[in-house]
Amino acid sequence: MSFIKFAILATMGESIGLRIKAGVYNQSGFGLIPRAIVWGFLGLTIKLAFVIFGKGAPMFLEYMGVSGIGEAMKGDFSATKLLGAFTISATINLIYAPVMMTLHKITDTHIISNGGTISGLFKPIKFGQIMVNMNWDVQWNFVFKKTIPFFWIPAHTITFLLPAEFQVLFAAVLGIALGVLLAIASLKGGKY
């Protein structure tokens, strides 16, 4: 289900981002289907990260002396649950998100450079060449330094306050917001 949720909702976010940049929801070479495939697989890694950090961050808090965090994460809203949700969000966004965001940028560039075709998606990705040509100023100063602390950590704190069955869906909906944020980054940085 994570694959499907992200393939649809996060790709919708990219389509809205294209609308912001170019005035259309799809265009030749954009690669709507390849982007959906990539988002599906990214969705699987996001679910994996949710499981790993969702269990690991509360265990770390317990190790650090915050008792009852595991039970608080299963219960109603409390200060302890808020601390747990914030810790999960902070760790996932500081450790996993930069890698995922960079991989996402690499795959988007690969899709565009191969004409947005499904067959082009499966050509070898020129990681080194793409990374050298990325606008790291925008990636670092906007995507990492602004969106992670000011949007993603607060947004995912809310995500981890939700019941587990709604977390991935909410995160996929946030993929729409990601499309808008990346469109803004692209407008700011030219070759982002």
N, C-alpha and C. Protein backbone atom coordinates (compact mmCIF):
# COMPACT_ATOMS: atom_id res chain seq x y z
N MET A 1 0.81 -1.20 0.00
CA MET A 1 0.00 0.00 0.00
C MET A 1 0.86 1.27 0.00
N SER A 2 2.02 1.21 0.67
CA SER A 2 2.90 2.37 0.68
C SER A 2 3.31 2.75 -0.74
N PHE A 3 3.60 1.72 -1.55
CA PHE A 3 3.97 1.96 -2.95
C PHE A 3 2.87 2.74 -3.65
N ILE A 4 1.64 2.28 -3.53
CA ILE A 4 0.51 2.89 -4.23
C ILE A 4 0.23 4.31 -3.71
N LYS A 5 0.22 4.47 -2.39
CA LYS A 5 -0.07 5.78 -1.80
C LYS A 5 0.93 6.83 -2.27
N PHE A 6 2.22 6.48 -2.24
CA PHE A 6 3.23 7.45 -2.65
C PHE A 6 3.24 7.63 -4.16
N ALA A 7 3.04 6.56 -4.91
CA ALA A 7 3.02 6.68 -6.37
C ALA A 7 1.95 7.65 -6.81
N ILE A 8 0.81 7.62 -6.17
CA ILE A 8 -0.28 8.51 -6.56
C ILE A 8 -0.12 9.91 -5.96
N LEU A 9 -0.01 9.98 -4.64
CA LEU A 9 -0.06 11.28 -3.97
C LEU A 9 1.21 12.11 -4.16
N ALA A 10 2.37 11.49 -4.03
CA ALA A 10 3.61 12.26 -4.19
C ALA A 10 3.81 12.68 -5.65
N THR A 11 3.40 11.82 -6.59
CA THR A 11 3.47 12.21 -8.00
C THR A 11 2.50 13.36 -8.28
N MET A 12 1.36 13.33 -7.61
CA MET A 12 0.42 14.45 -7.73
C MET A 12 1.09 15.74 -7.25
N GLY A 13 1.87 15.64 -6.18
CA GLY A 13 2.60 16.81 -5.70
C GLY A 13 3.58 17.34 -6.72
N GLU A 14 4.27 16.43 -7.40
CA GLU A 14 5.21 16.87 -8.43
C GLU A 14 4.47 17.52 -9.60
N SER A 15 3.31 16.96 -9.93
CA SER A 15 2.50 17.54 -11.00
C SER A 15 2.02 18.95 -10.64
N ILE A 16 1.64 19.13 -9.39
CA ILE A 16 1.25 20.47 -8.92
C ILE A 16 2.47 21.40 -8.93
N GLY A 17 3.63 20.85 -8.55
CA GLY A 17 4.86 21.64 -8.62
C GLY A 17 5.16 22.09 -10.03
N LEU A 18 4.94 21.20 -11.01
CA LEU A 18 5.14 21.58 -12.41
C LEU A 18 4.16 22.68 -12.80
N ARG A 19 2.95 22.58 -12.30
CA ARG A 19 1.94 23.61 -12.58
C ARG A 19 2.42 24.97 -12.07
N ILE A 20 3.04 24.98 -10.89
CA ILE A 20 3.56 26.23 -10.32
C ILE A 20 4.68 26.79 -11.19
N LYS A 21 5.56 25.90 -11.66
CA LYS A 21 6.71 26.35 -12.45
C LYS A 21 6.36 26.68 -13.89
N ALA A 22 5.57 25.81 -14.53
CA ALA A 22 5.38 25.92 -15.98
C ALA A 22 3.94 26.16 -16.41
N GLY A 23 3.00 26.16 -15.48
CA GLY A 23 1.62 26.43 -15.83
C GLY A 23 0.84 25.23 -16.35
N VAL A 24 1.46 24.05 -16.33
CA VAL A 24 0.78 22.82 -16.79
C VAL A 24 1.03 21.70 -15.78
N TYR A 25 0.14 20.71 -15.77
CA TYR A 25 0.28 19.58 -14.85
C TYR A 25 1.16 18.46 -15.40
N ASN A 26 1.33 18.43 -16.71
CA ASN A 26 2.19 17.43 -17.34
C ASN A 26 2.68 18.03 -18.65
N GLN A 27 3.85 17.58 -19.07
CA GLN A 27 4.39 18.04 -20.34
C GLN A 27 5.32 16.98 -20.88
N SER A 28 5.63 17.10 -22.15
CA SER A 28 6.54 16.16 -22.79
C SER A 28 7.89 16.15 -22.07
N GLY A 29 8.38 14.97 -21.75
CA GLY A 29 9.67 14.84 -21.08
C GLY A 29 9.60 14.88 -19.57
N PHE A 30 8.45 15.24 -19.00
CA PHE A 30 8.31 15.31 -17.54
C PHE A 30 8.36 13.92 -16.91
N GLY A 31 7.77 12.94 -17.58
CA GLY A 31 7.84 11.56 -17.11
C GLY A 31 6.93 11.25 -15.93
N LEU A 32 5.66 11.52 -16.10
CA LEU A 32 4.71 11.30 -15.01
C LEU A 32 4.71 9.84 -14.54
N ILE A 33 4.69 8.88 -15.45
CA ILE A 33 4.67 7.46 -15.08
C ILE A 33 6.00 7.05 -14.44
N PRO A 34 7.15 7.40 -15.03
CA PRO A 34 8.41 7.06 -14.36
C PRO A 34 8.53 7.68 -12.97
N ARG A 35 8.04 8.90 -12.80
CA ARG A 35 8.07 9.53 -11.48
C ARG A 35 7.19 8.76 -10.50
N ALA A 36 6.04 8.29 -10.96
CA ALA A 36 5.16 7.51 -10.10
C ALA A 36 5.84 6.20 -9.67
N ILE A 37 6.56 5.58 -10.59
CA ILE A 37 7.29 4.35 -10.27
C ILE A 37 8.36 4.63 -9.23
N VAL A 38 9.13 5.68 -9.44
CA VAL A 38 10.17 6.05 -8.47
C VAL A 38 9.55 6.36 -7.12
N TRP A 39 8.46 7.15 -7.11
CA TRP A 39 7.80 7.48 -5.85
C TRP A 39 7.27 6.24 -5.15
N GLY A 40 6.81 5.28 -5.93
CA GLY A 40 6.36 4.03 -5.32
C GLY A 40 7.48 3.36 -4.55
N PHE A 41 8.64 3.26 -5.18
CA PHE A 41 9.78 2.64 -4.50
C PHE A 41 10.28 3.49 -3.34
N LEU A 42 10.29 4.81 -3.51
CA LEU A 42 10.65 5.68 -2.39
C LEU A 42 9.67 5.50 -1.24
N GLY A 43 8.39 5.30 -1.57
CA GLY A 43 7.38 5.05 -0.55
C GLY A 43 7.69 3.81 0.28
N LEU A 44 8.22 2.79 -0.37
CA LEU A 44 8.62 1.58 0.36
C LEU A 44 9.77 1.88 1.33
N THR A 45 10.72 2.70 0.89
CA THR A 45 11.83 3.04 1.79
C THR A 45 11.36 3.94 2.91
N ILE A 46 10.37 4.79 2.62
CA ILE A 46 9.81 5.65 3.67
C ILE A 46 9.11 4.80 4.72
N LYS A 47 8.35 3.81 4.29
CA LYS A 47 7.70 2.90 5.25
C LYS A 47 8.75 2.18 6.07
N LEU A 48 9.81 1.73 5.43
CA LEU A 48 10.91 1.08 6.14
C LEU A 48 11.51 2.01 7.18
N ALA A 49 11.74 3.26 6.80
CA ALA A 49 12.28 4.26 7.74
C ALA A 49 11.31 4.51 8.88
N PHE A 50 10.02 4.55 8.59
CA PHE A 50 9.02 4.74 9.65
C PHE A 50 9.09 3.61 10.67
N VAL A 51 9.25 2.39 10.19
CA VAL A 51 9.33 1.24 11.10
C VAL A 51 10.61 1.32 11.93
N ILE A 52 11.73 1.55 11.27
CA ILE A 52 13.02 1.58 11.96
C ILE A 52 13.09 2.71 12.98
N PHE A 53 12.78 3.93 12.53
CA PHE A 53 12.88 5.08 13.44
C PHE A 53 11.72 5.11 14.43
N GLY A 54 10.55 4.61 14.00
CA GLY A 54 9.39 4.58 14.88
C GLY A 54 9.61 3.68 16.10
N LYS A 55 10.41 2.64 15.93
CA LYS A 55 10.75 1.76 17.06
C LYS A 55 12.05 2.21 17.72
N GLY A 56 13.02 2.59 16.91
CA GLY A 56 14.35 2.90 17.43
C GLY A 56 14.44 4.18 18.23
N ALA A 57 13.79 5.24 17.78
CA ALA A 57 13.87 6.52 18.51
C ALA A 57 13.25 6.42 19.91
N PRO A 58 12.06 5.79 20.06
CA PRO A 58 11.54 5.62 21.43
C PRO A 58 12.44 4.73 22.30
N MET A 59 13.05 3.71 21.68
CA MET A 59 13.98 2.87 22.46
C MET A 59 15.18 3.69 22.93
N PHE A 60 15.65 4.59 22.07
CA PHE A 60 16.76 5.46 22.46
C PHE A 60 16.35 6.36 23.62
N LEU A 61 15.13 6.92 23.56
CA LEU A 61 14.64 7.76 24.66
C LEU A 61 14.55 6.96 25.96
N GLU A 62 14.09 5.72 25.87
CA GLU A 62 14.05 4.85 27.06
C GLU A 62 15.47 4.66 27.60
N TYR A 63 16.41 4.42 26.69
CA TYR A 63 17.82 4.25 27.08
C TYR A 63 18.33 5.51 27.78
N MET A 64 17.86 6.67 27.33
CA MET A 64 18.30 7.95 27.91
C MET A 64 17.54 8.30 29.20
N GLY A 65 16.64 7.41 29.62
CA GLY A 65 15.97 7.60 30.90
C GLY A 65 14.55 8.11 30.85
N VAL A 66 13.97 8.26 29.65
CA VAL A 66 12.57 8.68 29.55
C VAL A 66 11.70 7.43 29.66
N SER A 67 11.19 7.19 30.83
CA SER A 67 10.43 5.96 31.04
C SER A 67 9.01 6.11 30.50
N GLY A 68 8.46 5.01 30.04
CA GLY A 68 7.08 4.97 29.57
C GLY A 68 6.86 5.49 28.18
N ILE A 69 7.92 5.74 27.43
CA ILE A 69 7.76 6.32 26.09
C ILE A 69 7.07 5.34 25.15
N GLY A 70 7.39 4.06 25.26
CA GLY A 70 6.77 3.05 24.40
C GLY A 70 5.27 3.02 24.58
N GLU A 71 4.82 3.02 25.81
CA GLU A 71 3.39 3.02 26.10
C GLU A 71 2.75 4.34 25.68
N ALA A 72 3.44 5.43 25.91
CA ALA A 72 2.90 6.75 25.54
C ALA A 72 2.65 6.84 24.04
N MET A 73 3.52 6.23 23.24
CA MET A 73 3.37 6.29 21.79
C MET A 73 2.12 5.54 21.33
N LYS A 74 1.64 4.60 22.12
CA LYS A 74 0.43 3.84 21.77
C LYS A 74 -0.84 4.50 22.31
N GLY A 75 -0.69 5.46 23.22
CA GLY A 75 -1.84 6.04 23.90
C GLY A 75 -2.29 7.36 23.32
N ASP A 76 -3.11 8.03 24.11
CA ASP A 76 -3.64 9.35 23.73
C ASP A 76 -2.53 10.40 23.83
N PHE A 77 -2.84 11.60 23.35
CA PHE A 77 -1.87 12.69 23.37
C PHE A 77 -1.41 12.98 24.80
N SER A 78 -0.11 13.15 24.93
CA SER A 78 0.50 13.56 26.19
C SER A 78 1.83 14.22 25.87
N ALA A 79 2.43 14.85 26.87
CA ALA A 79 3.74 15.47 26.66
C ALA A 79 4.78 14.41 26.29
N THR A 80 4.66 13.24 26.89
CA THR A 80 5.61 12.16 26.59
C THR A 80 5.45 11.68 25.15
N LYS A 81 4.20 11.56 24.71
CA LYS A 81 3.96 11.16 23.32
C LYS A 81 4.47 12.23 22.36
N LEU A 82 4.28 13.50 22.70
CA LEU A 82 4.80 14.58 21.87
C LEU A 82 6.32 14.51 21.78
N LEU A 83 6.98 14.26 22.89
CA LEU A 83 8.44 14.10 22.89
C LEU A 83 8.85 12.94 22.00
N GLY A 84 8.13 11.83 22.10
CA GLY A 84 8.43 10.67 21.26
C GLY A 84 8.24 10.96 19.79
N ALA A 85 7.11 11.60 19.45
CA ALA A 85 6.83 11.92 18.05
C ALA A 85 7.88 12.88 17.49
N PHE A 86 8.25 13.89 18.29
CA PHE A 86 9.28 14.83 17.86
C PHE A 86 10.61 14.12 17.65
N THR A 87 10.97 13.23 18.55
CA THR A 87 12.25 12.51 18.44
C THR A 87 12.27 11.61 17.21
N ILE A 88 11.18 10.92 16.96
CA ILE A 88 11.10 10.09 15.75
C ILE A 88 11.26 10.98 14.52
N SER A 89 10.51 12.08 14.49
CA SER A 89 10.55 12.98 13.34
C SER A 89 11.94 13.57 13.15
N ALA A 90 12.55 14.03 14.23
CA ALA A 90 13.88 14.64 14.12
C ALA A 90 14.90 13.63 13.62
N THR A 91 14.89 12.42 14.17
CA THR A 91 15.90 11.43 13.75
C THR A 91 15.67 10.99 12.31
N ILE A 92 14.43 10.76 11.93
CA ILE A 92 14.17 10.31 10.55
C ILE A 92 14.53 11.42 9.55
N ASN A 93 14.26 12.67 9.93
CA ASN A 93 14.53 13.77 9.01
C ASN A 93 15.98 14.21 8.98
N LEU A 94 16.73 13.97 10.03
CA LEU A 94 18.14 14.34 10.04
C LEU A 94 19.04 13.23 9.50
N ILE A 95 18.58 11.98 9.59
CA ILE A 95 19.41 10.85 9.15
C ILE A 95 18.98 10.31 7.79
N TYR A 96 17.70 10.03 7.63
CA TYR A 96 17.20 9.40 6.41
C TYR A 96 16.83 10.41 5.31
N ALA A 97 16.15 11.48 5.68
CA ALA A 97 15.59 12.40 4.68
C ALA A 97 16.62 13.01 3.72
N PRO A 98 17.78 13.46 4.19
CA PRO A 98 18.73 14.03 3.21
C PRO A 98 19.16 13.04 2.13
N VAL A 99 19.32 11.78 2.52
CA VAL A 99 19.70 10.75 1.54
C VAL A 99 18.55 10.52 0.56
N MET A 100 17.32 10.40 1.09
CA MET A 100 16.16 10.18 0.24
C MET A 100 15.93 11.38 -0.69
N MET A 101 16.06 12.59 -0.16
CA MET A 101 15.84 13.78 -0.98
C MET A 101 16.88 13.89 -2.09
N THR A 102 18.10 13.52 -1.80
CA THR A 102 19.16 13.56 -2.82
C THR A 102 18.91 12.49 -3.88
N LEU A 103 18.55 11.29 -3.43
CA LEU A 103 18.23 10.22 -4.39
C LEU A 103 17.04 10.62 -5.25
N HIS A 104 16.06 11.25 -4.65
CA HIS A 104 14.89 11.71 -5.40
C HIS A 104 15.31 12.71 -6.47
N LYS A 105 16.18 13.64 -6.13
CA LYS A 105 16.65 14.63 -7.10
C LYS A 105 17.43 13.96 -8.22
N ILE A 106 18.24 12.98 -7.86
CA ILE A 106 19.01 12.25 -8.87
C ILE A 106 18.08 11.51 -9.83
N THR A 107 17.07 10.84 -9.31
CA THR A 107 16.15 10.10 -10.18
C THR A 107 15.32 11.05 -11.05
N ASP A 108 14.91 12.19 -10.49
CA ASP A 108 14.17 13.17 -11.31
C ASP A 108 15.04 13.66 -12.47
N THR A 109 16.29 13.97 -12.18
CA THR A 109 17.20 14.43 -13.22
C THR A 109 17.40 13.34 -14.28
N HIS A 110 17.55 12.10 -13.82
CA HIS A 110 17.71 10.96 -14.73
C HIS A 110 16.48 10.81 -15.64
N ILE A 111 15.30 10.92 -15.05
CA ILE A 111 14.06 10.80 -15.84
C ILE A 111 14.00 11.88 -16.91
N ILE A 112 14.29 13.11 -16.53
CA ILE A 112 14.24 14.22 -17.48
C ILE A 112 15.29 14.05 -18.57
N SER A 113 16.51 13.64 -18.18
CA SER A 113 17.57 13.50 -19.17
C SER A 113 17.33 12.35 -20.14
N ASN A 114 16.39 11.47 -19.81
CA ASN A 114 16.04 10.36 -20.70
C ASN A 114 14.66 10.57 -21.32
N GLY A 115 14.23 11.82 -21.42
CA GLY A 115 13.02 12.16 -22.13
C GLY A 115 11.72 11.82 -21.42
N GLY A 116 11.80 11.44 -20.15
CA GLY A 116 10.59 11.12 -19.40
C GLY A 116 9.93 9.81 -19.79
N THR A 117 10.69 8.95 -20.45
CA THR A 117 10.12 7.68 -20.91
C THR A 117 10.29 6.59 -19.86
N ILE A 118 9.41 5.61 -19.92
CA ILE A 118 9.52 4.47 -19.00
C ILE A 118 10.80 3.70 -19.29
N SER A 119 11.12 3.49 -20.57
CA SER A 119 12.36 2.77 -20.90
C SER A 119 13.59 3.55 -20.44
N GLY A 120 13.51 4.88 -20.51
CA GLY A 120 14.62 5.71 -20.05
C GLY A 120 14.87 5.58 -18.56
N LEU A 121 13.81 5.35 -17.80
CA LEU A 121 13.94 5.16 -16.36
C LEU A 121 14.87 4.00 -16.04
N PHE A 122 14.86 2.95 -16.89
CA PHE A 122 15.62 1.75 -16.61
C PHE A 122 17.02 1.75 -17.23
N LYS A 123 17.42 2.87 -17.82
CA LYS A 123 18.81 3.02 -18.28
C LYS A 123 19.69 3.25 -17.06
N PRO A 124 20.98 2.94 -17.17
CA PRO A 124 21.88 3.18 -16.03
C PRO A 124 21.88 4.66 -15.63
N ILE A 125 21.81 4.89 -14.34
CA ILE A 125 21.81 6.26 -13.82
C ILE A 125 23.26 6.74 -13.69
N LYS A 126 23.55 7.91 -14.21
CA LYS A 126 24.89 8.49 -14.15
C LYS A 126 25.01 9.30 -12.85
N PHE A 127 25.12 8.57 -11.73
CA PHE A 127 25.11 9.20 -10.41
C PHE A 127 26.16 10.30 -10.27
N GLY A 128 27.39 9.99 -10.63
CA GLY A 128 28.47 10.96 -10.47
C GLY A 128 28.23 12.23 -11.26
N GLN A 129 27.86 12.08 -12.52
CA GLN A 129 27.62 13.24 -13.38
C GLN A 129 26.45 14.08 -12.85
N ILE A 130 25.38 13.42 -12.44
CA ILE A 130 24.22 14.15 -11.92
C ILE A 130 24.59 14.88 -10.64
N MET A 131 25.32 14.22 -9.76
CA MET A 131 25.68 14.85 -8.47
C MET A 131 26.59 16.05 -8.67
N VAL A 132 27.51 15.96 -9.61
CA VAL A 132 28.41 17.07 -9.88
C VAL A 132 27.63 18.28 -10.40
N ASN A 133 26.59 18.03 -11.19
CA ASN A 133 25.83 19.12 -11.80
C ASN A 133 24.65 19.61 -10.97
N MET A 134 24.39 18.97 -9.83
CA MET A 134 23.30 19.44 -8.96
C MET A 134 23.64 20.80 -8.37
N ASN A 135 22.63 21.57 -8.12
CA ASN A 135 22.82 22.86 -7.45
C ASN A 135 22.85 22.59 -5.95
N TRP A 136 24.04 22.33 -5.42
CA TRP A 136 24.19 21.98 -4.01
C TRP A 136 23.91 23.16 -3.09
N ASP A 137 24.04 24.37 -3.62
CA ASP A 137 23.69 25.54 -2.82
C ASP A 137 22.20 25.50 -2.46
N VAL A 138 21.35 25.21 -3.43
CA VAL A 138 19.91 25.10 -3.18
C VAL A 138 19.62 23.85 -2.35
N GLN A 139 20.26 22.74 -2.71
CA GLN A 139 20.02 21.48 -1.97
C GLN A 139 20.35 21.66 -0.48
N TRP A 140 21.48 22.28 -0.20
CA TRP A 140 21.89 22.47 1.19
C TRP A 140 21.13 23.61 1.86
N ASN A 141 21.16 24.80 1.25
CA ASN A 141 20.63 25.99 1.92
C ASN A 141 19.11 26.09 1.93
N PHE A 142 18.43 25.46 0.98
CA PHE A 142 16.97 25.50 1.01
C PHE A 142 16.38 24.14 1.40
N VAL A 143 16.68 23.11 0.62
CA VAL A 143 16.05 21.81 0.84
C VAL A 143 16.42 21.25 2.22
N PHE A 144 17.71 21.22 2.55
CA PHE A 144 18.11 20.66 3.84
C PHE A 144 17.93 21.64 5.00
N LYS A 145 18.48 22.84 4.86
CA LYS A 145 18.52 23.77 6.00
C LYS A 145 17.19 24.46 6.29
N LYS A 146 16.32 24.54 5.32
CA LYS A 146 15.04 25.23 5.57
C LYS A 146 13.87 24.26 5.64
N THR A 147 13.73 23.37 4.63
CA THR A 147 12.54 22.52 4.64
C THR A 147 12.59 21.47 5.75
N ILE A 148 13.76 20.93 6.06
CA ILE A 148 13.82 19.90 7.10
C ILE A 148 13.46 20.46 8.47
N PRO A 149 14.14 21.50 8.96
CA PRO A 149 13.78 21.96 10.32
C PRO A 149 12.45 22.71 10.41
N PHE A 150 12.09 23.44 9.36
CA PHE A 150 10.92 24.31 9.47
C PHE A 150 9.63 23.71 8.91
N PHE A 151 9.76 22.66 8.09
CA PHE A 151 8.55 22.01 7.58
C PHE A 151 8.50 20.53 7.96
N TRP A 152 9.52 19.76 7.56
CA TRP A 152 9.43 18.31 7.71
C TRP A 152 9.44 17.84 9.15
N ILE A 153 10.29 18.39 9.98
CA ILE A 153 10.30 17.94 11.38
C ILE A 153 8.96 18.26 12.06
N PRO A 154 8.43 19.49 11.96
CA PRO A 154 7.11 19.72 12.55
C PRO A 154 6.00 18.86 11.91
N ALA A 155 6.02 18.74 10.57
CA ALA A 155 4.97 17.98 9.89
C ALA A 155 5.01 16.51 10.30
N HIS A 156 6.20 15.95 10.39
CA HIS A 156 6.29 14.53 10.78
C HIS A 156 6.11 14.33 12.27
N THR A 157 6.29 15.36 13.06
CA THR A 157 5.91 15.25 14.48
C THR A 157 4.40 14.99 14.55
N ILE A 158 3.64 15.72 13.74
CA ILE A 158 2.20 15.46 13.66
C ILE A 158 1.94 14.05 13.15
N THR A 159 2.68 13.65 12.12
CA THR A 159 2.53 12.30 11.56
C THR A 159 2.63 11.24 12.64
N PHE A 160 3.64 11.35 13.51
CA PHE A 160 3.88 10.30 14.50
C PHE A 160 3.00 10.45 15.75
N LEU A 161 2.20 11.51 15.80
CA LEU A 161 1.17 11.61 16.83
C LEU A 161 -0.09 10.85 16.39
N LEU A 162 -0.21 10.60 15.09
CA LEU A 162 -1.38 9.91 14.55
C LEU A 162 -1.30 8.41 14.84
N PRO A 163 -2.45 7.73 14.82
CA PRO A 163 -2.42 6.27 14.93
C PRO A 163 -1.59 5.68 13.79
N ALA A 164 -0.92 4.58 14.04
CA ALA A 164 0.02 3.98 13.08
C ALA A 164 -0.62 3.74 11.71
N GLU A 165 -1.89 3.38 11.68
CA GLU A 165 -2.53 3.06 10.39
C GLU A 165 -2.72 4.28 9.50
N PHE A 166 -2.59 5.49 10.05
CA PHE A 166 -2.74 6.71 9.25
C PHE A 166 -1.41 7.39 8.94
N GLN A 167 -0.33 6.94 9.51
CA GLN A 167 0.95 7.64 9.37
C GLN A 167 1.47 7.65 7.94
N VAL A 168 1.47 6.52 7.27
CA VAL A 168 2.01 6.47 5.91
C VAL A 168 1.12 7.26 4.96
N LEU A 169 -0.20 7.18 5.14
CA LEU A 169 -1.11 7.95 4.30
C LEU A 169 -0.87 9.45 4.48
N PHE A 170 -0.75 9.89 5.72
CA PHE A 170 -0.49 11.31 5.98
C PHE A 170 0.85 11.73 5.37
N ALA A 171 1.86 10.88 5.50
CA ALA A 171 3.16 11.19 4.90
C ALA A 171 3.06 11.27 3.38
N ALA A 172 2.25 10.41 2.77
CA ALA A 172 2.07 10.47 1.33
C ALA A 172 1.36 11.76 0.92
N VAL A 173 0.39 12.19 1.72
CA VAL A 173 -0.26 13.47 1.45
C VAL A 173 0.76 14.61 1.57
N LEU A 174 1.67 14.48 2.51
CA LEU A 174 2.73 15.49 2.63
C LEU A 174 3.61 15.50 1.38
N GLY A 175 3.61 14.40 0.61
CA GLY A 175 4.33 14.38 -0.66
C GLY A 175 3.82 15.44 -1.62
N ILE A 176 2.54 15.79 -1.50
CA ILE A 176 2.00 16.89 -2.30
C ILE A 176 2.72 18.18 -1.91
N ALA A 177 2.90 18.37 -0.60
CA ALA A 177 3.63 19.55 -0.12
C ALA A 177 5.07 19.53 -0.61
N LEU A 178 5.67 18.34 -0.67
CA LEU A 178 7.04 18.24 -1.17
C LEU A 178 7.13 18.74 -2.60
N GLY A 179 6.16 18.37 -3.44
CA GLY A 179 6.16 18.84 -4.82
C GLY A 179 6.15 20.35 -4.91
N VAL A 180 5.35 20.96 -4.06
CA VAL A 180 5.28 22.43 -4.04
C VAL A 180 6.61 23.01 -3.57
N LEU A 181 7.18 22.44 -2.49
CA LEU A 181 8.47 22.93 -1.98
C LEU A 181 9.58 22.79 -3.01
N LEU A 182 9.62 21.67 -3.71
CA LEU A 182 10.66 21.47 -4.73
C LEU A 182 10.46 22.42 -5.91
N ALA A 183 9.21 22.74 -6.22
CA ALA A 183 8.96 23.73 -7.28
C ALA A 183 9.50 25.09 -6.87
N ILE A 184 9.30 25.44 -5.61
CA ILE A 184 9.84 26.72 -5.10
C ILE A 184 11.36 26.70 -5.14
N ALA A 185 11.94 25.56 -4.73
CA ALA A 185 13.41 25.44 -4.78
C ALA A 185 13.91 25.58 -6.20
N SER A 186 13.20 24.99 -7.15
CA SER A 186 13.62 25.07 -8.55
C SER A 186 13.54 26.51 -9.05
N LEU A 187 12.50 27.22 -8.66
CA LEU A 187 12.38 28.62 -9.07
C LEU A 187 13.48 29.46 -8.45
N LYS A 188 13.91 29.11 -7.23
CA LYS A 188 14.97 29.87 -6.54
C LYS A 188 16.33 29.60 -7.15
N GLY A 189 16.55 28.35 -7.60
CA GLY A 189 17.91 27.98 -7.92
C GLY A 189 18.24 27.65 -9.35
N GLY A 190 17.32 27.82 -10.26
CA GLY A 190 17.65 27.58 -11.65
C GLY A 190 17.91 26.12 -11.96
N LYS A 191 19.10 25.63 -11.68
CA LYS A 191 19.44 24.27 -12.09
C LYS A 191 19.24 23.25 -10.97
N TYR A 192 18.41 23.58 -9.96
CA TYR A 192 18.13 22.61 -8.92
C TYR A 192 17.62 21.36 -9.58
